[in-house]
Protein backbone atom coordinates (compact mmCIF):
# COMPACT_ATOMS: atom_id res chain seq x y z
CA MET A 1 -174.77 -58.02 35.06
CA PRO A 2 -174.21 -57.40 38.78
CA ASN A 3 -172.01 -54.52 39.84
CA ARG A 4 -168.87 -55.31 41.76
CA ASP A 5 -170.47 -55.16 45.20
CA ASP A 6 -173.51 -57.29 44.49
CA LEU A 7 -172.21 -60.73 45.36
CA PHE A 8 -170.09 -59.41 48.19
CA SER A 9 -173.07 -57.53 49.62
CA LEU A 10 -175.26 -60.64 49.34
CA PHE A 11 -172.59 -62.69 51.07
CA CYS A 12 -172.27 -60.20 53.93
CA ARG A 13 -176.03 -60.43 54.55
CA LEU A 14 -175.98 -64.19 54.94
CA PRO A 15 -176.03 -65.67 58.46
CA ILE A 16 -173.78 -68.51 59.49
CA PRO A 17 -175.81 -71.71 58.96
CA GLU A 18 -176.50 -74.35 61.54
CA ILE A 19 -174.36 -77.43 61.05
CA ALA A 20 -176.29 -80.36 59.59
CA SER A 21 -175.33 -84.01 59.93
CA ASN A 22 -174.28 -86.01 56.86
CA SER A 23 -174.22 -82.97 54.56
CA GLU A 24 -172.58 -79.62 53.91
CA SER A 25 -174.51 -76.69 55.38
CA PHE A 26 -175.01 -73.34 53.68
CA SER A 27 -177.17 -70.30 54.15
CA ALA A 28 -177.87 -69.02 50.66
CA LEU A 29 -179.43 -66.43 48.39
CA ALA A 30 -180.14 -66.49 44.66
CA ILE A 31 -177.43 -64.70 42.70
CA GLU A 32 -180.10 -63.05 40.54
CA GLU A 33 -183.61 -63.82 39.38
CA SER A 34 -182.58 -65.08 35.93
CA LEU A 35 -180.18 -67.67 37.33
CA PRO A 36 -180.86 -70.63 39.65
CA HIS A 37 -177.32 -70.54 41.04
CA LYS A 38 -176.86 -69.46 44.65
CA ILE A 39 -174.28 -67.70 46.70
CA GLY A 40 -173.78 -69.47 50.01
CA LYS A 41 -172.00 -69.06 53.33
CA ASP A 42 -170.73 -72.16 55.09
CA ALA A 43 -170.35 -72.85 58.81
CA GLU A 44 -166.82 -71.35 58.71
CA SER A 45 -168.03 -68.10 57.10
CA ARG A 46 -166.50 -68.94 53.73
CA PRO A 47 -168.32 -68.03 50.50
CA ALA A 48 -169.37 -70.63 47.95
CA ILE A 49 -171.23 -70.72 44.67
CA LEU A 50 -173.79 -73.53 44.52
CA ILE A 51 -174.65 -74.82 41.06
CA LEU A 52 -177.42 -77.28 40.27
CA PRO A 53 -176.34 -79.00 37.01
CA SER A 54 -178.69 -80.46 34.45
CA ASP A 55 -176.99 -83.87 34.78
CA PRO A 56 -176.08 -84.19 38.49
CA GLU A 57 -175.52 -87.94 38.17
CA LYS A 58 -172.41 -87.26 36.07
CA GLY A 59 -170.82 -85.34 38.93
CA ASP A 60 -169.32 -88.54 40.31
CA THR A 61 -167.09 -88.80 37.23
CA TYR A 62 -165.27 -85.56 38.09
CA TYR A 63 -162.50 -85.45 40.67
CA PRO A 64 -162.59 -82.74 43.34
CA ILE A 65 -160.03 -79.94 42.93
CA VAL A 66 -158.45 -78.24 45.93
CA LEU A 67 -156.06 -75.32 45.44
CA GLU A 68 -154.63 -72.84 47.90
CA HIS A 69 -157.50 -70.35 47.52
CA ILE A 70 -160.35 -72.28 45.89
CA SER A 71 -161.92 -75.73 45.81
CA ILE A 72 -164.36 -77.33 43.39
CA ARG A 73 -166.39 -80.42 44.30
CA TYR A 74 -169.09 -82.14 42.28
CA ASN A 75 -172.26 -83.88 43.45
CA VAL A 76 -171.98 -82.57 47.03
CA HIS A 77 -174.86 -83.42 49.38
CA CYS A 78 -175.87 -80.04 50.84
CA GLN A 79 -178.42 -78.63 53.22
CA VAL A 80 -179.31 -75.16 51.96
CA THR A 81 -181.25 -72.55 53.88
CA ASP A 82 -182.51 -69.72 51.72
CA THR A 83 -183.25 -66.53 53.62
CA GLY A 84 -186.91 -66.65 54.62
CA GLN A 85 -187.37 -70.18 53.27
CA PRO A 86 -187.28 -73.62 54.92
CA SER A 87 -184.11 -75.67 54.61
CA ARG A 88 -183.86 -78.19 51.82
CA ARG A 89 -181.37 -80.82 50.79
CA GLY A 90 -179.90 -81.34 47.36
CA ARG A 91 -176.79 -82.23 45.42
CA PHE A 92 -174.79 -79.34 44.02
CA ILE A 93 -171.51 -78.45 42.43
CA VAL A 94 -169.79 -76.38 45.13
CA ILE A 95 -167.17 -73.80 44.17
CA ARG A 96 -165.79 -72.43 47.43
CA CYS A 97 -163.26 -69.84 48.52
CA GLU A 98 -160.90 -71.55 50.95
CA SER A 99 -160.22 -68.40 52.96
CA ARG A 100 -161.92 -66.06 55.40
CA GLU A 101 -159.68 -63.14 54.42
CA GLU A 102 -161.92 -60.29 53.26
CA ASP A 103 -159.73 -59.20 50.32
CA LEU A 104 -159.59 -62.73 48.97
CA ILE A 105 -163.32 -63.27 49.52
CA GLU A 106 -164.08 -60.12 47.53
CA TYR A 107 -161.69 -61.21 44.76
CA PHE A 108 -163.36 -64.64 44.64
CA LEU A 109 -166.83 -63.14 44.38
CA ARG A 110 -165.74 -60.60 41.77
CA THR A 111 -164.28 -63.47 39.72
CA MET A 112 -167.47 -65.50 40.02
CA GLU A 113 -169.60 -62.52 38.95
CA VAL A 114 -167.72 -62.53 35.66
CA HIS A 115 -167.70 -66.28 35.07
CA ILE A 116 -170.99 -67.59 36.47
CA HIS A 117 -172.94 -66.13 33.53
CA SER A 118 -170.86 -68.10 31.04
CA ILE A 119 -172.56 -71.38 32.00
CA GLY A 120 -176.16 -70.22 31.64
CA SER A 121 -179.12 -71.25 33.75
CA SER A 122 -179.01 -75.03 33.28
CA PRO A 123 -175.39 -76.09 32.73
CA SER A 124 -174.12 -79.61 32.30
CA CYS A 125 -171.29 -80.85 34.48
CA ASN A 126 -169.06 -80.59 31.44
CA GLN A 127 -169.91 -76.91 30.96
CA VAL A 128 -169.10 -76.23 34.60
CA ALA A 129 -165.83 -78.14 34.24
CA ASP A 130 -164.86 -75.90 31.30
CA MET A 131 -165.51 -72.82 33.44
CA VAL A 132 -163.52 -74.38 36.27
CA GLN A 133 -160.44 -74.62 34.04
CA ASN A 134 -160.55 -70.84 33.62
CA LEU A 135 -160.92 -70.38 37.37
CA ILE A 136 -157.93 -72.64 38.03
CA GLU A 137 -155.73 -70.52 35.76
CA LEU A 138 -156.79 -67.33 37.51
CA PHE A 139 -156.39 -68.55 41.07
CA ARG A 140 -153.05 -70.19 40.36
CA ALA A 141 -151.87 -66.85 38.98
CA LEU A 142 -152.40 -65.26 42.40
CA SER A 143 -149.30 -67.04 43.68
CA GLN A 144 -147.14 -66.29 40.61
CA PRO A 145 -144.73 -63.35 40.26
CA SER A 146 -146.26 -60.24 38.71
CA LYS A 147 -145.62 -59.74 34.98
CA HIS A 148 -146.03 -55.98 34.98
CA SER A 149 -146.00 -53.16 37.52
CA VAL A 150 -149.26 -51.90 38.99
CA GLN A 151 -148.35 -48.50 37.54
CA GLY A 152 -147.98 -49.93 34.04
CA LEU A 153 -151.24 -51.88 34.24
CA TRP A 154 -153.07 -48.82 35.59
CA ALA A 155 -151.86 -46.80 32.59
CA GLU A 156 -153.08 -49.43 30.10
CA LEU A 157 -156.47 -49.62 31.78
CA LEU A 158 -156.82 -45.83 31.83
CA ILE A 159 -156.24 -45.68 28.08
CA ILE A 160 -158.95 -48.31 27.54
CA ALA A 161 -161.40 -46.53 29.86
CA GLU A 162 -160.87 -43.11 28.27
CA ALA A 163 -160.78 -44.23 24.63
CA SER A 164 -163.67 -43.27 22.35
CA ASN A 165 -164.35 -46.98 21.73
CA PRO A 166 -163.33 -49.00 24.82
CA LYS A 167 -164.72 -52.24 23.36
CA LEU A 168 -162.56 -51.99 20.25
CA LEU A 169 -159.45 -51.27 22.31
CA LEU A 170 -160.20 -54.03 24.80
CA ARG A 171 -160.56 -56.56 21.97
CA SER A 172 -157.08 -55.63 20.76
CA TRP A 173 -155.48 -55.77 24.24
CA HIS A 174 -152.65 -58.30 24.46
CA GLY A 175 -153.39 -61.88 25.47
CA ASP A 176 -150.03 -62.11 27.25
CA PRO A 177 -148.31 -59.28 29.19
CA GLY A 178 -145.08 -60.34 27.47
CA ASP A 179 -146.37 -59.53 23.97
CA ARG A 180 -144.35 -57.00 21.99
CA TYR A 181 -147.15 -54.40 21.99
CA ASP A 182 -149.97 -53.69 24.42
CA PHE A 183 -152.59 -53.36 21.66
CA SER A 184 -152.57 -54.86 18.16
CA ALA A 185 -155.26 -55.03 15.47
CA ASP A 186 -155.35 -54.81 11.67
CA ARG A 187 -151.64 -53.94 11.35
CA GLN A 188 -151.92 -51.16 13.92
CA CYS A 189 -149.96 -51.47 17.18
CA VAL A 190 -149.98 -49.31 20.30
CA GLU A 191 -147.50 -49.45 23.17
CA ILE A 192 -148.19 -47.66 26.49
CA LYS A 193 -145.27 -46.19 28.43
CA SER A 194 -145.69 -44.56 31.84
CA SER A 195 -143.29 -42.62 34.03
CA SER A 196 -143.62 -41.87 37.73
CA GLY A 197 -141.47 -38.76 37.33
CA GLN A 198 -141.76 -35.65 35.17
CA THR A 199 -139.39 -36.79 32.40
CA ARG A 200 -140.45 -38.93 29.46
CA ILE A 201 -137.73 -41.52 29.81
CA HIS A 202 -139.04 -44.98 29.01
CA HIS A 203 -137.75 -48.51 28.56
CA PHE A 204 -137.99 -50.01 25.06
CA SER A 205 -136.98 -53.17 23.30
CA LEU A 206 -135.39 -52.64 19.91
CA GLU A 207 -138.08 -54.84 18.36
CA GLN A 208 -140.83 -52.48 19.60
CA LEU A 209 -139.33 -49.61 17.61
CA ASN A 210 -138.99 -51.71 14.48
CA PRO A 211 -142.41 -53.20 13.65
CA ALA A 212 -142.89 -55.71 10.85
CA SER A 213 -143.19 -54.44 7.30
CA GLY A 214 -146.67 -53.07 6.61
CA THR A 215 -147.39 -52.54 10.33
CA ALA A 216 -147.72 -49.08 11.89
CA ALA A 217 -146.85 -48.60 15.57
CA ILE A 218 -147.19 -45.70 17.96
CA VAL A 219 -146.24 -45.07 21.57
CA ILE A 220 -148.47 -43.37 24.15
CA SER A 221 -146.44 -41.70 26.90
CA LEU A 222 -147.98 -40.45 30.14
CA PHE A 223 -147.06 -39.56 33.71
CA VAL A 224 -148.52 -41.78 36.43
CA GLN A 225 -148.00 -40.54 39.97
CA SER A 226 -149.34 -41.76 43.31
CA SER A 227 -152.16 -39.77 44.84
CA ALA A 228 -154.07 -40.38 48.07
CA ASP A 229 -157.35 -39.34 46.42
CA GLY A 230 -156.63 -40.94 43.04
CA LEU A 231 -158.05 -44.05 41.38
CA THR A 232 -157.09 -47.68 41.92
CA VAL A 233 -156.88 -50.40 39.29
CA ILE A 234 -160.26 -51.66 40.54
CA ASP A 235 -161.82 -48.21 40.11
CA ILE A 236 -160.79 -48.11 36.46
CA ILE A 237 -161.93 -51.70 35.89
CA ASP A 238 -165.37 -50.72 37.16
CA SER A 239 -165.42 -47.78 34.75
CA ILE A 240 -164.59 -50.10 31.85
CA ARG A 241 -167.22 -52.63 32.95
CA SER A 242 -169.89 -49.94 32.97
CA GLN A 243 -169.01 -49.10 29.35
CA ILE A 244 -168.87 -52.62 27.91
CA GLY A 245 -172.08 -53.81 29.57
CA ASP A 246 -172.81 -57.53 29.52
CA ASP A 247 -170.28 -58.56 26.86
CA LEU A 248 -169.17 -61.71 28.70
CA ARG A 249 -166.16 -62.45 26.51
CA LEU A 250 -164.73 -58.96 26.96
CA LEU A 251 -165.41 -59.03 30.70
CA ALA A 252 -163.58 -62.35 30.99
CA HIS A 253 -160.69 -61.03 28.88
CA LEU A 254 -160.43 -57.93 31.08
CA HIS A 255 -160.50 -59.93 34.31
CA ARG A 256 -158.00 -62.51 33.07
CA ASN A 257 -155.48 -59.93 31.85
CA VAL A 258 -155.57 -58.03 35.13
CA THR A 259 -155.15 -61.19 37.21
CA ILE A 260 -152.38 -62.71 35.08
CA THR A 261 -150.53 -59.37 35.01
CA LEU A 262 -150.66 -58.65 38.74
CA GLY A 263 -150.07 -62.20 39.95
CA ALA A 264 -149.07 -62.20 43.62
CA ASP A 265 -149.39 -58.39 43.69
CA TRP A 266 -153.18 -58.60 43.18
CA ARG A 267 -153.95 -56.94 46.51
CA GLN A 268 -152.31 -53.74 45.30
CA ALA A 269 -155.13 -53.35 42.80
CA THR A 270 -157.34 -52.08 45.63
CA SER A 271 -154.76 -50.10 47.61
CA ILE A 272 -152.46 -48.12 45.29
CA ARG A 273 -153.99 -44.95 43.86
CA PHE A 274 -152.81 -42.77 40.98
CA ASP A 275 -153.70 -39.26 39.79
CA LYS A 276 -156.12 -39.55 36.86
CA ARG A 277 -156.12 -35.82 36.02
CA LEU A 278 -152.34 -35.62 35.76
CA ALA A 279 -152.20 -38.80 33.70
CA LYS A 280 -154.78 -37.56 31.18
CA GLU A 281 -153.20 -34.10 30.85
CA SER A 282 -149.77 -35.61 30.25
CA ILE A 283 -150.71 -37.94 27.38
CA ARG A 284 -148.58 -37.59 24.27
CA ILE A 285 -148.41 -39.88 21.21
CA TYR A 286 -145.28 -40.64 19.18
CA ASP A 287 -144.45 -42.58 16.04
CA VAL A 288 -141.98 -45.33 16.85
CA GLY A 289 -139.78 -44.09 14.01
CA SER A 290 -139.22 -40.76 15.76
CA ILE A 291 -138.01 -42.26 19.04
CA PRO A 292 -134.22 -42.18 19.64
CA SER A 293 -132.92 -45.69 19.16
CA VAL A 294 -129.89 -47.80 18.30
CA ASN A 295 -129.01 -49.17 14.88
CA TRP A 296 -131.28 -51.74 13.26
CA PRO A 297 -130.82 -54.46 12.23
CA THR A 298 -128.37 -55.73 14.81
CA PRO A 299 -125.73 -58.37 14.09
CA LEU A 300 -127.17 -61.88 14.03
CA GLU A 301 -125.34 -62.68 17.26
CA VAL A 302 -127.07 -59.80 19.15
CA THR A 303 -130.62 -60.34 20.39
CA GLU A 304 -133.16 -58.94 22.88
CA VAL A 305 -131.71 -55.42 22.88
CA LYS A 306 -133.33 -53.21 25.52
CA PHE A 307 -132.59 -49.60 26.43
CA LYS A 308 -134.00 -46.36 27.81
CA SER A 309 -134.90 -43.47 25.55
CA ASN A 310 -135.78 -39.84 26.37
CA LEU A 311 -138.79 -38.57 24.44
CA SER A 312 -138.78 -35.06 25.92
CA ARG A 313 -137.18 -33.32 22.92
CA ILE A 314 -138.95 -35.06 20.05
CA SER A 315 -142.17 -34.01 18.35
CA SER A 316 -145.39 -35.83 19.12
CA ARG A 317 -147.68 -37.29 16.48
CA ASN A 318 -150.09 -35.15 14.45
CA ILE A 319 -153.47 -36.10 15.93
CA SER A 320 -155.65 -35.23 12.94
CA SER A 321 -153.71 -37.63 10.70
CA LEU A 322 -153.91 -40.29 13.40
CA SER A 323 -157.69 -39.97 13.52
CA SER A 324 -157.96 -40.37 9.78
CA GLU A 325 -156.24 -43.78 9.92
CA GLY A 326 -159.23 -45.31 11.72
CA GLY A 327 -159.07 -48.48 13.81
CA ILE A 328 -157.45 -48.42 17.21
CA PHE A 329 -155.41 -45.34 16.25
CA ALA A 330 -158.60 -43.31 15.85
CA THR A 331 -160.08 -44.47 19.14
CA ILE A 332 -157.07 -43.19 21.13
CA ALA A 333 -156.38 -40.01 19.10
CA GLN A 334 -158.82 -37.91 21.13
CA LEU A 335 -156.96 -38.74 24.36
CA VAL A 336 -154.36 -36.04 23.68
CA PRO A 337 -155.37 -32.80 25.46
CA ALA A 338 -157.03 -30.36 23.06
CA ASP A 339 -154.64 -27.51 23.82
CA ILE A 340 -151.66 -29.36 22.31
CA GLN A 341 -153.32 -31.09 19.37
């Protein structure tokens, strides 16, 4: 699996191609030896992924798709110049970034690094179309309002990266930022709460503190403060990627969650930095039943109760008992600093 700079570095090395008549022009390089797909640069310095399908004749049955940031066209007549090789013509599926903005180009190439492997080395047009549906969801999300703060997302990602079993925790990560809990698996639920100050005052919904019968829930509280030499969301994503290797489904899940969560704030993933050391040293874990709350159940006419609660004066969870419960509780138990366990 390429690291995050591979496609971007390849793209930066490509020259601007000479314009050919009656075809699209690209300078190109192979993405990697095991795949025939190419990364290209067009005459306007925009990046594109060129895919040679196993059934190119079926490309004419698919309509082109043009969004604000990305376009997908099937059966495109292209002139491709590989570095050090003579030009050749062929018909490709062209997935192109419709921008010359560097941040967006890097986002596009990072996205394609994750998804290009899902179609294999000889995909049908239908397989590419399935991948394209995932790309459409992600690129449309870039213009939608964010569903969570960068601070909150950073905290969730840090917990995944520092857990003893990041794969297990990533599998249990919510499919929707609006889910009741951040992590859920086998009747165990974990909610992450971060504070930019030095007081453990967090927002809760009443439902979060009253899990379903037979379900155990805990809250991880930590301080997340800005720091000029701290880590960005992208830095932590790279740490997670290095730990989960080439698990394509988990990589896609990670990338989708980050994109859907940040929405139009996606650029902040590379610019806002937070203090990792402070965050790790401040981690505390609490049972939801110990958190100050309001009466439950509420009258039938009262719904969606939300409030702030101060955790500073309540006791944190016994870590040894948490470890013995196994599952996702065990994989986050060791995050609490040893001197307070």
